[in-house]
Structures are given as C-alpha cells and as structure tokens.
Amino acid sequence: MLAVAHWVLYRLARNYRGMVTEQNGKWYLENSYHTMMAMIEQAP
C-alpha cells in the first residue's frame, strides 16, 4: 500500500507542478521502488 501511495505522489509531482511540494517526483519514484524491493526481499 505504501508503494502505491509513493507511486501516486510521483505521478502527481510529475504531471501537476506545484501540487506536491514536499519532495520532487524522482524522490517518490525511488521510494516506491525501494519499498517494493524491500517487500519482495523481506516477505515471508
């Protein structure tokens, strides 16, 4: 779920400048990737 939230924020930051102001789109995309990789590697 968290990865999806990061993905949505990435898309908003990429497509609607000024809508997401905490981080840039690249930050959200990288966090989405790292969250998914952690879920794959650490899932039981």
C-alpha atoms as a PDB file:
ATOM      1  CA  MET A   1       0.000   0.000   0.000  1.00  0.00           C
ATOM      2  CA  LEU A   2       2.802   2.409   0.829  1.00  0.00           C
ATOM      3  CA  ALA A   3       4.446   1.775  -2.533  1.00  0.00           C
ATOM      4  CA  VAL A   4       1.171   2.689  -4.260  1.00  0.00           C
ATOM      5  CA  ALA A   5       0.971   5.934  -2.282  1.00  0.00           C
ATOM      6  CA  HIS A   6       4.514   6.833  -3.337  1.00  0.00           C
ATOM      7  CA  TRP A   7       3.650   5.986  -6.954  1.00  0.00           C
ATOM      8  CA  VAL A   8       0.578   8.252  -6.862  1.00  0.00           C
ATOM      9  CA  LEU A   9       2.599  11.107  -5.349  1.00  0.00           C
ATOM     10  CA  TYR A  10       5.260  10.587  -8.042  1.00  0.00           C
ATOM     11  CA  ARG A  11       2.627  10.854 -10.774  1.00  0.00           C
ATOM     12  CA  LEU A  12       1.115  13.961  -9.194  1.00  0.00           C
ATOM     13  CA  ALA A  13       4.517  15.607  -8.829  1.00  0.00           C
ATOM     14  CA  ARG A  14       5.425  14.720 -12.405  1.00  0.00           C
ATOM     15  CA  ASN A  15       2.170  15.783 -14.049  1.00  0.00           C
ATOM     16  CA  TYR A  16       0.975  18.682 -11.887  1.00  0.00           C
ATOM     17  CA  ARG A  17       3.784  21.013 -10.919  1.00  0.00           C
ATOM     18  CA  GLY A  18       3.148  22.725  -7.599  1.00  0.00           C
ATOM     19  CA  MET A  19       0.586  20.186  -6.380  1.00  0.00           C
ATOM     20  CA  VAL A  20       3.145  18.118  -4.451  1.00  0.00           C
ATOM     21  CA  THR A  21       5.638  20.336  -2.672  1.00  0.00           C
ATOM     22  CA  GLU A  22       7.319  18.130  -0.038  1.00  0.00           C
ATOM     23  CA  GLN A  23       9.617  16.269  -2.452  1.00  0.00           C
ATOM     24  CA  ASN A  24      10.178  16.061  -6.186  1.00  0.00           C
ATOM     25  CA  GLY A  25       8.850  13.281  -8.407  1.00  0.00           C
ATOM     26  CA  LYS A  26      12.150  11.394  -8.526  1.00  0.00           C
ATOM     27  CA  TRP A  27      12.183  11.072  -4.717  1.00  0.00           C
ATOM     28  CA  TYR A  28       8.715   9.496  -4.690  1.00  0.00           C
ATOM     29  CA  LEU A  29       9.581   7.166  -7.577  1.00  0.00           C
ATOM     30  CA  GLU A  30      12.759   5.975  -5.848  1.00  0.00           C
ATOM     31  CA  ASN A  31      10.897   5.415  -2.579  1.00  0.00           C
ATOM     32  CA  SER A  32       8.238   3.417  -4.392  1.00  0.00           C
ATOM     33  CA  TYR A  33      10.946   1.218  -5.912  1.00  0.00           C
ATOM     34  CA  HIS A  34      12.792   0.684  -2.630  1.00  0.00           C
ATOM     35  CA  THR A  35       9.560  -0.107  -0.793  1.00  0.00           C
ATOM     36  CA  MET A  36       8.612  -2.741  -3.369  1.00  0.00           C
ATOM     37  CA  MET A  37      12.083  -4.279  -3.326  1.00  0.00           C
ATOM     38  CA  ALA A  38      12.024  -4.493   0.477  1.00  0.00           C
ATOM     39  CA  MET A  39       8.613  -6.156   0.343  1.00  0.00           C
ATOM     40  CA  ILE A  40       9.920  -8.748  -2.123  1.00  0.00           C
ATOM     41  CA  GLU A  41      13.154  -9.430  -0.251  1.00  0.00           C
ATOM     42  CA  GLN A  42      11.753  -9.442   3.283  1.00  0.00           C
ATOM     43  CA  ALA A  43       8.342 -11.004   2.769  1.00  0.00           C
ATOM     44  CA  PRO A  44       7.835 -14.362   4.474  1.00  0.00           C
END
